[in-house]
Amino acid sequence: MAVNGRRKRLADYGLKSERVLWQGKGPSAFEQELGDLESRLGLTTLDKAIAWAQTKSMWPDTFGLACCAIEMMAIVSSRYDIARFGMEAFRSSPRQADLLIVSGRVAHKMAAPLRQIYDQMLEPKWVIAMGACASSGGMFNNYTTLQGVDKIVAVDIYVPGCPPRPEALMEGIIRLHERVRAGIPPAYEVRGVAS
């Protein structure tokens, strides 16, 4: 750390002693030993540590609806390896999951089960809308398909494509992790959930 173009000294931290306040004197033996230890230490807050832990232990719920589900299944393969994020354990119970990846088109008949699964998930919970159909209804602009899953659940990340490649879903997961680490609350806290 530098102050006015020079390296920060103990006097800049508020240490009041005659030796430290002496202007012409160079750094003490202690300051020389200390060096840039402060910059090498990993200092953090409890909130940042909790956010970091949440990103390393998100458990997705298995909720594949259409062709996007095949691409979602591919992210657990060795080629994409979602295990490096600690997310390889897809949960079959919403009570053990905190991430819902809605992959594929949502028919109006599936809206109620989707909402029930969402309501049973742990908090804090996040939602990724994967593909054009989940995000906006896609090419199915008719009475059977829900025109965007954000009409029934609060969506945190939209992954575009028809179907999006596994790399795109991985990018969406990375963006979600960045949001969590930045301290941005889940979408249901920010804008609420549709009733």
N, C-alpha and C. Protein backbone atom coordinates (compact mmCIF):
# COMPACT_ATOMS: atom_id res chain seq x y z
N MET A 1 0.84 -1.16 0.00
CA MET A 1 0.00 0.00 0.00
C MET A 1 0.89 1.24 0.00
N ALA A 2 0.50 2.22 -0.75
CA ALA A 2 1.31 3.42 -0.85
C ALA A 2 0.49 4.63 -0.42
N VAL A 3 1.17 5.58 0.22
CA VAL A 3 0.57 6.84 0.62
C VAL A 3 1.43 7.95 0.04
N ASN A 4 0.84 8.81 -0.79
CA ASN A 4 1.56 9.93 -1.44
C ASN A 4 2.81 9.45 -2.17
N GLY A 5 2.73 8.36 -2.85
CA GLY A 5 3.84 7.86 -3.66
C GLY A 5 4.90 7.12 -2.87
N ARG A 6 4.72 6.95 -1.59
CA ARG A 6 5.70 6.21 -0.80
C ARG A 6 5.00 5.03 -0.13
N ARG A 7 5.81 4.09 0.31
CA ARG A 7 5.27 2.90 0.97
C ARG A 7 4.69 3.28 2.33
N LYS A 8 3.57 2.70 2.68
CA LYS A 8 2.88 3.00 3.93
C LYS A 8 3.70 2.49 5.11
N ARG A 9 3.82 3.32 6.14
CA ARG A 9 4.58 2.95 7.33
C ARG A 9 3.64 2.77 8.50
N LEU A 10 4.18 2.28 9.61
CA LEU A 10 3.36 2.04 10.80
C LEU A 10 2.75 3.34 11.32
N ALA A 11 3.42 4.47 11.12
CA ALA A 11 2.85 5.75 11.57
C ALA A 11 1.57 6.07 10.82
N ASP A 12 1.47 5.61 9.57
CA ASP A 12 0.26 5.85 8.79
C ASP A 12 -0.92 5.04 9.32
N TYR A 13 -0.63 3.97 10.06
CA TYR A 13 -1.68 3.16 10.66
C TYR A 13 -2.10 3.68 12.04
N GLY A 14 -1.47 4.76 12.49
CA GLY A 14 -1.86 5.36 13.77
C GLY A 14 -0.97 4.98 14.93
N LEU A 15 0.14 4.31 14.69
CA LEU A 15 1.05 3.96 15.76
C LEU A 15 1.82 5.21 16.18
N LYS A 16 1.73 5.57 17.46
CA LYS A 16 2.34 6.81 17.95
C LYS A 16 3.52 6.47 18.84
N SER A 17 4.71 6.57 18.33
CA SER A 17 5.91 6.44 19.14
C SER A 17 6.96 7.39 18.57
N GLU A 18 7.91 7.77 19.42
CA GLU A 18 8.91 8.75 19.00
C GLU A 18 9.72 8.25 17.82
N ARG A 19 10.08 6.96 17.85
CA ARG A 19 10.90 6.40 16.78
C ARG A 19 10.14 6.36 15.47
N VAL A 20 8.85 6.00 15.52
CA VAL A 20 8.07 5.89 14.30
C VAL A 20 7.79 7.27 13.70
N LEU A 21 7.56 8.26 14.55
CA LEU A 21 7.22 9.60 14.07
C LEU A 21 8.44 10.41 13.61
N TRP A 22 9.63 9.91 13.87
CA TRP A 22 10.85 10.60 13.46
C TRP A 22 10.92 10.59 11.94
N GLN A 23 10.93 11.76 11.32
CA GLN A 23 10.75 11.90 9.88
C GLN A 23 11.90 11.32 9.05
N GLY A 24 13.13 11.56 9.40
CA GLY A 24 14.24 11.14 8.54
C GLY A 24 14.61 9.68 8.68
N LYS A 25 14.06 9.01 9.65
CA LYS A 25 14.45 7.62 9.92
C LYS A 25 13.79 6.69 8.91
N GLY A 26 14.50 5.71 8.47
CA GLY A 26 13.97 4.71 7.54
C GLY A 26 13.12 3.69 8.27
N PRO A 27 12.68 2.67 7.57
CA PRO A 27 11.84 1.65 8.21
C PRO A 27 12.62 0.89 9.27
N SER A 28 11.90 0.52 10.33
CA SER A 28 12.53 -0.22 11.43
C SER A 28 12.81 -1.66 11.00
N ALA A 29 13.52 -2.37 11.88
CA ALA A 29 13.81 -3.78 11.60
C ALA A 29 12.51 -4.57 11.53
N PHE A 30 11.56 -4.22 12.40
CA PHE A 30 10.26 -4.90 12.38
C PHE A 30 9.54 -4.66 11.06
N GLU A 31 9.56 -3.41 10.58
CA GLU A 31 8.90 -3.10 9.31
C GLU A 31 9.59 -3.80 8.15
N GLN A 32 10.91 -3.94 8.22
CA GLN A 32 11.62 -4.65 7.15
C GLN A 32 11.26 -6.13 7.15
N GLU A 33 11.17 -6.72 8.35
CA GLU A 33 10.77 -8.13 8.44
C GLU A 33 9.33 -8.33 7.97
N LEU A 34 8.49 -7.38 8.36
CA LEU A 34 7.08 -7.47 8.01
C LEU A 34 6.89 -7.42 6.50
N GLY A 35 7.65 -6.55 5.84
CA GLY A 35 7.58 -6.42 4.39
C GLY A 35 6.16 -6.17 3.93
N ASP A 36 5.73 -6.91 2.95
CA ASP A 36 4.35 -6.74 2.46
C ASP A 36 3.49 -7.93 2.91
N LEU A 37 3.66 -8.29 4.20
CA LEU A 37 2.90 -9.39 4.77
C LEU A 37 1.39 -9.14 4.70
N GLU A 38 1.02 -7.87 4.91
CA GLU A 38 -0.41 -7.54 4.90
C GLU A 38 -1.04 -7.87 3.55
N SER A 39 -0.32 -7.62 2.46
CA SER A 39 -0.89 -7.91 1.14
C SER A 39 -0.91 -9.41 0.86
N ARG A 40 -0.08 -10.18 1.57
CA ARG A 40 -0.06 -11.63 1.35
C ARG A 40 -1.05 -12.38 2.23
N LEU A 41 -1.56 -11.72 3.26
CA LEU A 41 -2.54 -12.37 4.13
C LEU A 41 -3.90 -12.40 3.46
N GLY A 42 -4.67 -13.41 3.69
CA GLY A 42 -6.03 -13.50 3.15
C GLY A 42 -7.02 -12.99 4.19
N LEU A 43 -7.31 -11.71 4.15
CA LEU A 43 -8.25 -11.12 5.09
C LEU A 43 -9.61 -11.01 4.43
N THR A 44 -10.66 -11.31 5.18
CA THR A 44 -12.00 -11.25 4.62
C THR A 44 -13.01 -10.97 5.73
N THR A 45 -14.25 -10.81 5.32
CA THR A 45 -15.33 -10.64 6.29
C THR A 45 -16.13 -11.93 6.36
N LEU A 46 -16.96 -12.04 7.37
CA LEU A 46 -17.79 -13.24 7.52
C LEU A 46 -18.78 -13.37 6.37
N ASP A 47 -19.35 -12.25 5.92
CA ASP A 47 -20.30 -12.29 4.80
C ASP A 47 -19.64 -12.80 3.53
N LYS A 48 -18.41 -12.34 3.27
CA LYS A 48 -17.70 -12.81 2.07
C LYS A 48 -17.35 -14.29 2.19
N ALA A 49 -17.00 -14.74 3.36
CA ALA A 49 -16.67 -16.17 3.55
C ALA A 49 -17.91 -17.03 3.35
N ILE A 50 -19.06 -16.58 3.85
CA ILE A 50 -20.31 -17.33 3.66
C ILE A 50 -20.68 -17.37 2.19
N ALA A 51 -20.56 -16.23 1.49
CA ALA A 51 -20.87 -16.20 0.05
C ALA A 51 -19.94 -17.12 -0.72
N TRP A 52 -18.66 -17.15 -0.37
CA TRP A 52 -17.71 -18.03 -1.04
C TRP A 52 -18.11 -19.49 -0.81
N ALA A 53 -18.49 -19.82 0.43
CA ALA A 53 -18.88 -21.20 0.74
C ALA A 53 -20.16 -21.58 0.00
N GLN A 54 -21.09 -20.64 -0.16
CA GLN A 54 -22.32 -20.94 -0.89
C GLN A 54 -22.03 -21.25 -2.35
N THR A 55 -21.09 -20.56 -2.95
CA THR A 55 -20.79 -20.83 -4.36
C THR A 55 -20.09 -22.17 -4.53
N LYS A 56 -19.39 -22.63 -3.53
CA LYS A 56 -18.67 -23.90 -3.63
C LYS A 56 -19.51 -25.10 -3.24
N SER A 57 -20.76 -24.86 -2.83
CA SER A 57 -21.59 -25.99 -2.41
C SER A 57 -23.03 -25.85 -2.89
N MET A 58 -23.24 -25.27 -4.06
CA MET A 58 -24.61 -25.21 -4.61
C MET A 58 -25.00 -26.60 -5.09
N TRP A 59 -26.22 -26.99 -4.77
CA TRP A 59 -26.73 -28.28 -5.19
C TRP A 59 -27.90 -28.07 -6.13
N PRO A 60 -27.72 -28.39 -7.41
CA PRO A 60 -28.82 -28.20 -8.37
C PRO A 60 -29.90 -29.27 -8.21
N ASP A 61 -31.12 -28.90 -8.57
CA ASP A 61 -32.25 -29.82 -8.58
C ASP A 61 -32.38 -30.40 -9.98
N THR A 62 -32.74 -31.66 -10.08
CA THR A 62 -32.93 -32.28 -11.40
C THR A 62 -34.29 -31.87 -11.93
N PHE A 63 -34.31 -30.96 -12.88
CA PHE A 63 -35.57 -30.50 -13.45
C PHE A 63 -35.38 -30.26 -14.95
N GLY A 64 -35.25 -31.34 -15.69
CA GLY A 64 -35.10 -31.24 -17.14
C GLY A 64 -36.43 -31.47 -17.82
N LEU A 65 -36.79 -30.59 -18.75
CA LEU A 65 -38.11 -30.67 -19.39
C LEU A 65 -38.07 -31.04 -20.86
N ALA A 66 -37.04 -30.63 -21.58
CA ALA A 66 -37.02 -30.87 -23.03
C ALA A 66 -35.58 -31.04 -23.49
N CYS A 67 -35.31 -30.62 -24.71
CA CYS A 67 -34.00 -30.85 -25.31
C CYS A 67 -32.86 -30.19 -24.55
N CYS A 68 -33.13 -29.09 -23.85
CA CYS A 68 -32.07 -28.44 -23.06
C CYS A 68 -31.57 -29.34 -21.93
N ALA A 69 -32.41 -30.27 -21.50
CA ALA A 69 -32.01 -31.16 -20.40
C ALA A 69 -30.82 -32.03 -20.80
N ILE A 70 -30.74 -32.41 -22.07
CA ILE A 70 -29.60 -33.22 -22.54
C ILE A 70 -28.31 -32.41 -22.40
N GLU A 71 -28.37 -31.13 -22.74
CA GLU A 71 -27.20 -30.27 -22.60
C GLU A 71 -26.87 -30.06 -21.13
N MET A 72 -27.89 -29.97 -20.29
CA MET A 72 -27.65 -29.82 -18.85
C MET A 72 -26.98 -31.08 -18.28
N MET A 73 -27.41 -32.25 -18.75
CA MET A 73 -26.81 -33.49 -18.28
C MET A 73 -25.34 -33.60 -18.69
N ALA A 74 -24.98 -32.96 -19.79
CA ALA A 74 -23.61 -33.06 -20.28
C ALA A 74 -22.61 -32.35 -19.37
N ILE A 75 -23.07 -31.41 -18.53
CA ILE A 75 -22.10 -30.67 -17.71
C ILE A 75 -21.52 -31.51 -16.59
N VAL A 76 -22.10 -32.67 -16.29
CA VAL A 76 -21.50 -33.53 -15.27
C VAL A 76 -20.48 -34.50 -15.87
N SER A 77 -20.34 -34.50 -17.19
CA SER A 77 -19.37 -35.40 -17.84
C SER A 77 -17.95 -34.89 -17.60
N SER A 78 -16.99 -35.73 -17.91
CA SER A 78 -15.60 -35.36 -17.66
C SER A 78 -15.14 -34.21 -18.55
N ARG A 79 -15.80 -33.99 -19.67
CA ARG A 79 -15.39 -32.91 -20.57
C ARG A 79 -15.65 -31.54 -19.95
N TYR A 80 -16.78 -31.38 -19.27
CA TYR A 80 -17.14 -30.08 -18.70
C TYR A 80 -16.92 -30.05 -17.19
N ASP A 81 -17.13 -31.17 -16.51
CA ASP A 81 -16.75 -31.37 -15.12
C ASP A 81 -17.22 -30.26 -14.18
N ILE A 82 -18.50 -30.27 -13.91
CA ILE A 82 -19.06 -29.30 -12.97
C ILE A 82 -18.62 -29.59 -11.54
N ALA A 83 -17.97 -30.74 -11.33
CA ALA A 83 -17.47 -31.10 -9.99
C ALA A 83 -16.42 -30.11 -9.51
N ARG A 84 -15.76 -29.41 -10.40
CA ARG A 84 -14.76 -28.42 -9.96
C ARG A 84 -15.40 -27.26 -9.21
N PHE A 85 -16.71 -27.09 -9.36
CA PHE A 85 -17.45 -26.08 -8.60
C PHE A 85 -18.17 -26.69 -7.40
N GLY A 86 -18.01 -27.98 -7.17
CA GLY A 86 -18.69 -28.65 -6.07
C GLY A 86 -20.17 -28.85 -6.33
N MET A 87 -20.56 -28.95 -7.62
CA MET A 87 -21.98 -29.01 -7.97
C MET A 87 -22.36 -30.30 -8.69
N GLU A 88 -21.58 -31.34 -8.56
CA GLU A 88 -21.86 -32.55 -9.33
C GLU A 88 -23.02 -33.36 -8.79
N ALA A 89 -23.44 -33.09 -7.56
CA ALA A 89 -24.50 -33.87 -6.94
C ALA A 89 -25.86 -33.24 -7.25
N PHE A 90 -26.46 -33.65 -8.37
CA PHE A 90 -27.82 -33.19 -8.68
C PHE A 90 -28.78 -33.87 -7.72
N ARG A 91 -29.60 -33.09 -7.06
CA ARG A 91 -30.50 -33.61 -6.05
C ARG A 91 -31.85 -33.95 -6.67
N SER A 92 -32.43 -35.04 -6.24
CA SER A 92 -33.76 -35.41 -6.74
C SER A 92 -34.86 -34.94 -5.79
N SER A 93 -34.49 -34.35 -4.66
CA SER A 93 -35.46 -33.80 -3.74
C SER A 93 -35.24 -32.29 -3.65
N PRO A 94 -36.28 -31.48 -3.82
CA PRO A 94 -36.08 -30.03 -3.73
C PRO A 94 -35.68 -29.57 -2.33
N ARG A 95 -35.92 -30.39 -1.32
CA ARG A 95 -35.57 -30.01 0.04
C ARG A 95 -34.06 -30.10 0.28
N GLN A 96 -33.33 -30.68 -0.65
CA GLN A 96 -31.88 -30.77 -0.55
C GLN A 96 -31.18 -29.90 -1.58
N ALA A 97 -31.93 -29.15 -2.38
CA ALA A 97 -31.34 -28.36 -3.46
C ALA A 97 -31.53 -26.87 -3.18
N ASP A 98 -30.60 -26.08 -3.71
CA ASP A 98 -30.74 -24.63 -3.60
C ASP A 98 -30.57 -23.93 -4.95
N LEU A 99 -30.43 -24.70 -6.03
CA LEU A 99 -30.34 -24.14 -7.37
C LEU A 99 -31.29 -24.91 -8.28
N LEU A 100 -32.18 -24.19 -8.95
CA LEU A 100 -33.11 -24.81 -9.89
C LEU A 100 -32.72 -24.38 -11.29
N ILE A 101 -32.31 -25.34 -12.11
CA ILE A 101 -31.99 -25.06 -13.52
C ILE A 101 -33.21 -25.52 -14.32
N VAL A 102 -34.00 -24.55 -14.79
CA VAL A 102 -35.19 -24.88 -15.59
C VAL A 102 -34.70 -24.99 -17.03
N SER A 103 -34.61 -26.21 -17.52
CA SER A 103 -34.05 -26.44 -18.86
C SER A 103 -35.14 -26.97 -19.78
N GLY A 104 -35.59 -26.13 -20.67
CA GLY A 104 -36.58 -26.55 -21.65
C GLY A 104 -37.89 -25.79 -21.51
N ARG A 105 -38.82 -26.12 -22.41
CA ARG A 105 -40.10 -25.41 -22.42
C ARG A 105 -40.97 -25.88 -21.26
N VAL A 106 -41.70 -24.94 -20.69
CA VAL A 106 -42.58 -25.22 -19.57
C VAL A 106 -44.01 -25.13 -20.07
N ALA A 107 -44.71 -26.24 -20.10
CA ALA A 107 -46.13 -26.24 -20.46
C ALA A 107 -46.92 -25.70 -19.27
N HIS A 108 -48.10 -25.20 -19.54
CA HIS A 108 -48.94 -24.67 -18.46
C HIS A 108 -49.27 -25.74 -17.43
N LYS A 109 -49.33 -27.01 -17.85
CA LYS A 109 -49.58 -28.10 -16.91
C LYS A 109 -48.41 -28.27 -15.94
N MET A 110 -47.19 -27.92 -16.38
CA MET A 110 -46.01 -28.07 -15.53
C MET A 110 -45.77 -26.86 -14.64
N ALA A 111 -46.53 -25.79 -14.82
CA ALA A 111 -46.31 -24.57 -14.03
C ALA A 111 -46.54 -24.82 -12.54
N ALA A 112 -47.62 -25.50 -12.21
CA ALA A 112 -47.92 -25.76 -10.79
C ALA A 112 -46.89 -26.67 -10.14
N PRO A 113 -46.48 -27.80 -10.77
CA PRO A 113 -45.41 -28.61 -10.17
C PRO A 113 -44.08 -27.86 -10.05
N LEU A 114 -43.78 -27.03 -11.05
CA LEU A 114 -42.54 -26.25 -10.99
C LEU A 114 -42.57 -25.30 -9.80
N ARG A 115 -43.69 -24.63 -9.59
CA ARG A 115 -43.82 -23.71 -8.46
C ARG A 115 -43.76 -24.46 -7.13
N GLN A 116 -44.34 -25.65 -7.08
CA GLN A 116 -44.30 -26.44 -5.86
C GLN A 116 -42.86 -26.85 -5.53
N ILE A 117 -42.11 -27.25 -6.53
CA ILE A 117 -40.70 -27.60 -6.33
C ILE A 117 -39.92 -26.39 -5.85
N TYR A 118 -40.18 -25.24 -6.47
CA TYR A 118 -39.50 -24.01 -6.10
C TYR A 118 -39.80 -23.63 -4.64
N ASP A 119 -41.05 -23.77 -4.23
CA ASP A 119 -41.43 -23.42 -2.87
C ASP A 119 -40.81 -24.35 -1.83
N GLN A 120 -40.50 -25.59 -2.20
CA GLN A 120 -39.93 -26.55 -1.27
C GLN A 120 -38.42 -26.46 -1.16
N MET A 121 -37.80 -25.66 -2.01
CA MET A 121 -36.33 -25.57 -2.01
C MET A 121 -35.83 -24.80 -0.79
N LEU A 122 -34.58 -25.07 -0.44
CA LEU A 122 -33.93 -24.38 0.66
C LEU A 122 -33.70 -22.91 0.33
N GLU A 123 -33.61 -22.08 1.34
CA GLU A 123 -33.25 -20.68 1.13
C GLU A 123 -31.85 -20.47 1.68
N PRO A 124 -31.03 -19.66 1.06
CA PRO A 124 -31.29 -18.92 -0.17
C PRO A 124 -31.31 -19.86 -1.37
N LYS A 125 -32.14 -19.53 -2.35
CA LYS A 125 -32.28 -20.38 -3.53
C LYS A 125 -32.14 -19.51 -4.78
N TRP A 126 -31.63 -20.14 -5.83
CA TRP A 126 -31.39 -19.44 -7.08
C TRP A 126 -32.02 -20.21 -8.22
N VAL A 127 -32.34 -19.50 -9.32
CA VAL A 127 -32.96 -20.11 -10.49
C VAL A 127 -32.19 -19.68 -11.73
N ILE A 128 -31.88 -20.64 -12.59
CA ILE A 128 -31.31 -20.38 -13.91
C ILE A 128 -32.32 -20.82 -14.95
N ALA A 129 -32.72 -19.92 -15.84
CA ALA A 129 -33.60 -20.27 -16.95
C ALA A 129 -32.70 -20.61 -18.13
N MET A 130 -32.68 -21.88 -18.50
CA MET A 130 -31.76 -22.36 -19.53
C MET A 130 -32.50 -22.52 -20.85
N GLY A 131 -32.08 -21.78 -21.85
CA GLY A 131 -32.65 -21.90 -23.19
C GLY A 131 -33.71 -20.87 -23.48
N ALA A 132 -34.00 -20.72 -24.76
CA ALA A 132 -34.98 -19.73 -25.21
C ALA A 132 -36.38 -20.06 -24.71
N CYS A 133 -36.73 -21.33 -24.63
CA CYS A 133 -38.09 -21.71 -24.21
C CYS A 133 -38.34 -21.36 -22.75
N ALA A 134 -37.37 -21.65 -21.88
CA ALA A 134 -37.55 -21.32 -20.47
C ALA A 134 -37.50 -19.82 -20.24
N SER A 135 -36.71 -19.12 -21.05
CA SER A 135 -36.56 -17.67 -20.86
C SER A 135 -37.74 -16.88 -21.39
N SER A 136 -38.26 -17.27 -22.58
CA SER A 136 -39.30 -16.44 -23.20
C SER A 136 -40.35 -17.23 -23.97
N GLY A 137 -40.38 -18.52 -23.83
CA GLY A 137 -41.34 -19.32 -24.60
C GLY A 137 -40.77 -19.81 -25.92
N GLY A 138 -39.67 -19.24 -26.36
CA GLY A 138 -39.00 -19.66 -27.58
C GLY A 138 -39.88 -19.58 -28.80
N MET A 139 -39.80 -20.60 -29.64
CA MET A 139 -40.60 -20.62 -30.88
C MET A 139 -42.03 -21.06 -30.64
N PHE A 140 -42.34 -21.46 -29.40
CA PHE A 140 -43.68 -21.97 -29.08
C PHE A 140 -44.55 -20.84 -28.56
N ASN A 141 -44.99 -19.97 -29.44
CA ASN A 141 -45.86 -18.86 -29.05
C ASN A 141 -47.30 -19.30 -29.20
N ASN A 142 -47.74 -20.16 -28.28
CA ASN A 142 -49.11 -20.68 -28.34
C ASN A 142 -49.68 -20.80 -26.93
N TYR A 143 -50.89 -21.30 -26.83
CA TYR A 143 -51.61 -21.34 -25.56
C TYR A 143 -51.12 -22.42 -24.62
N THR A 144 -50.33 -23.39 -25.08
CA THR A 144 -49.90 -24.48 -24.21
C THR A 144 -48.60 -24.19 -23.48
N THR A 145 -47.78 -23.32 -24.01
CA THR A 145 -46.44 -23.09 -23.46
C THR A 145 -46.39 -21.80 -22.67
N LEU A 146 -45.80 -21.87 -21.51
CA LEU A 146 -45.61 -20.69 -20.66
C LEU A 146 -44.59 -19.77 -21.33
N GLN A 147 -44.92 -18.52 -21.47
CA GLN A 147 -44.04 -17.57 -22.16
C GLN A 147 -43.04 -16.95 -21.19
N GLY A 148 -42.17 -17.77 -20.69
CA GLY A 148 -41.13 -17.33 -19.76
C GLY A 148 -41.41 -17.85 -18.36
N VAL A 149 -40.43 -18.54 -17.80
CA VAL A 149 -40.59 -19.14 -16.47
C VAL A 149 -40.59 -18.06 -15.38
N ASP A 150 -40.17 -16.84 -15.72
CA ASP A 150 -40.16 -15.77 -14.72
C ASP A 150 -41.57 -15.30 -14.35
N LYS A 151 -42.57 -15.84 -15.02
CA LYS A 151 -43.95 -15.53 -14.65
C LYS A 151 -44.38 -16.28 -13.38
N ILE A 152 -43.67 -17.38 -13.03
CA ILE A 152 -44.05 -18.14 -11.83
C ILE A 152 -42.94 -18.23 -10.79
N VAL A 153 -41.68 -18.07 -11.18
CA VAL A 153 -40.57 -18.06 -10.22
C VAL A 153 -39.65 -16.89 -10.56
N ALA A 154 -38.93 -16.41 -9.57
CA ALA A 154 -37.96 -15.32 -9.79
C ALA A 154 -36.68 -15.91 -10.37
N VAL A 155 -36.24 -15.40 -11.51
CA VAL A 155 -35.08 -15.95 -12.22
C VAL A 155 -33.86 -15.06 -11.95
N ASP A 156 -32.74 -15.70 -11.62
CA ASP A 156 -31.50 -14.98 -11.38
C ASP A 156 -30.67 -14.83 -12.65
N ILE A 157 -30.53 -15.90 -13.44
CA ILE A 157 -29.67 -15.90 -14.62
C ILE A 157 -30.45 -16.50 -15.79
N TYR A 158 -30.36 -15.83 -16.93
CA TYR A 158 -30.93 -16.34 -18.19
C TYR A 158 -29.78 -16.81 -19.07
N VAL A 159 -29.88 -18.06 -19.56
CA VAL A 159 -28.88 -18.61 -20.47
C VAL A 159 -29.53 -18.71 -21.84
N PRO A 160 -29.11 -17.90 -22.82
CA PRO A 160 -29.76 -17.92 -24.13
C PRO A 160 -29.31 -19.10 -24.98
N GLY A 161 -30.08 -19.38 -26.02
CA GLY A 161 -29.73 -20.43 -26.97
C GLY A 161 -30.87 -21.41 -27.16
N CYS A 162 -30.78 -22.18 -28.26
CA CYS A 162 -31.82 -23.15 -28.56
C CYS A 162 -31.19 -24.38 -29.20
N PRO A 163 -30.81 -25.39 -28.48
CA PRO A 163 -30.54 -25.37 -27.06
C PRO A 163 -29.15 -24.78 -26.80
N PRO A 164 -28.93 -24.18 -25.63
CA PRO A 164 -27.59 -23.66 -25.35
C PRO A 164 -26.61 -24.80 -25.12
N ARG A 165 -25.38 -24.56 -25.52
CA ARG A 165 -24.34 -25.57 -25.33
C ARG A 165 -23.99 -25.69 -23.85
N PRO A 166 -23.40 -26.77 -23.42
CA PRO A 166 -22.98 -26.90 -22.02
C PRO A 166 -22.05 -25.77 -21.58
N GLU A 167 -21.23 -25.26 -22.51
CA GLU A 167 -20.35 -24.15 -22.18
C GLU A 167 -21.15 -22.91 -21.77
N ALA A 168 -22.30 -22.69 -22.43
CA ALA A 168 -23.14 -21.55 -22.10
C ALA A 168 -23.73 -21.71 -20.70
N LEU A 169 -24.15 -22.92 -20.35
CA LEU A 169 -24.67 -23.15 -19.00
C LEU A 169 -23.57 -22.96 -17.97
N MET A 170 -22.37 -23.43 -18.28
CA MET A 170 -21.24 -23.22 -17.36
C MET A 170 -20.98 -21.73 -17.17
N GLU A 171 -21.08 -20.96 -18.25
CA GLU A 171 -20.91 -19.50 -18.15
C GLU A 171 -22.00 -18.90 -17.27
N GLY A 172 -23.23 -19.37 -17.40
CA GLY A 172 -24.31 -18.90 -16.55
C GLY A 172 -24.07 -19.22 -15.08
N ILE A 173 -23.54 -20.41 -14.82
CA ILE A 173 -23.23 -20.80 -13.44
C ILE A 173 -22.12 -19.93 -12.88
N ILE A 174 -21.11 -19.64 -13.69
CA ILE A 174 -20.02 -18.76 -13.25
C ILE A 174 -20.55 -17.37 -12.96
N ARG A 175 -21.45 -16.86 -13.81
CA ARG A 175 -22.06 -15.53 -13.57
C ARG A 175 -22.88 -15.54 -12.28
N LEU A 176 -23.58 -16.64 -12.01
CA LEU A 176 -24.34 -16.76 -10.77
C LEU A 176 -23.40 -16.74 -9.57
N HIS A 177 -22.30 -17.46 -9.66
CA HIS A 177 -21.32 -17.46 -8.57
C HIS A 177 -20.77 -16.06 -8.34
N GLU A 178 -20.52 -15.31 -9.42
CA GLU A 178 -20.03 -13.94 -9.27
C GLU A 178 -21.05 -13.07 -8.56
N ARG A 179 -22.33 -13.26 -8.88
CA ARG A 179 -23.38 -12.49 -8.21
C ARG A 179 -23.44 -12.80 -6.72
N VAL A 180 -23.33 -14.09 -6.38
CA VAL A 180 -23.40 -14.49 -4.98
C VAL A 180 -22.19 -13.94 -4.22
N ARG A 181 -20.99 -14.06 -4.81
CA ARG A 181 -19.79 -13.55 -4.14
C ARG A 181 -19.81 -12.03 -4.01
N ALA A 182 -20.48 -11.34 -4.94
CA ALA A 182 -20.57 -9.88 -4.86
C ALA A 182 -21.59 -9.44 -3.82
N GLY A 183 -22.35 -10.36 -3.26
CA GLY A 183 -23.31 -10.02 -2.23
C GLY A 183 -24.67 -9.60 -2.76
N ILE A 184 -24.93 -9.86 -4.06
CA ILE A 184 -26.25 -9.52 -4.63
C ILE A 184 -27.24 -10.56 -4.13
N PRO A 185 -28.33 -10.13 -3.51
CA PRO A 185 -29.30 -11.11 -2.99
C PRO A 185 -29.99 -11.88 -4.11
N PRO A 186 -30.56 -13.04 -3.80
CA PRO A 186 -31.28 -13.82 -4.82
C PRO A 186 -32.43 -13.02 -5.40
N ALA A 187 -32.87 -13.43 -6.58
CA ALA A 187 -33.91 -12.68 -7.31
C ALA A 187 -35.21 -12.58 -6.54
N TYR A 188 -35.55 -13.60 -5.77
CA TYR A 188 -36.82 -13.55 -5.03
C TYR A 188 -36.79 -12.48 -3.95
N GLU A 189 -35.60 -12.11 -3.45
CA GLU A 189 -35.51 -11.05 -2.46
C GLU A 189 -35.51 -9.68 -3.12
N VAL A 190 -34.96 -9.60 -4.34
CA VAL A 190 -34.84 -8.32 -5.02
C VAL A 190 -36.17 -7.87 -5.60
N ARG A 191 -36.80 -8.75 -6.39
CA ARG A 191 -38.03 -8.34 -7.06
C ARG A 191 -39.25 -9.15 -6.68
N GLY A 192 -39.11 -10.04 -5.74
CA GLY A 192 -40.25 -10.83 -5.30
C GLY A 192 -40.59 -11.94 -6.27
N VAL A 193 -41.53 -12.75 -5.88
CA VAL A 193 -41.95 -13.90 -6.68
C VAL A 193 -43.40 -13.70 -7.08
N ALA A 194 -43.73 -14.01 -8.30
CA ALA A 194 -45.12 -13.91 -8.77
C ALA A 194 -45.98 -14.88 -7.97
N SER A 195 -47.19 -14.51 -7.69
CA SER A 195 -48.08 -15.37 -6.92
C SER A 195 -48.84 -16.31 -7.82
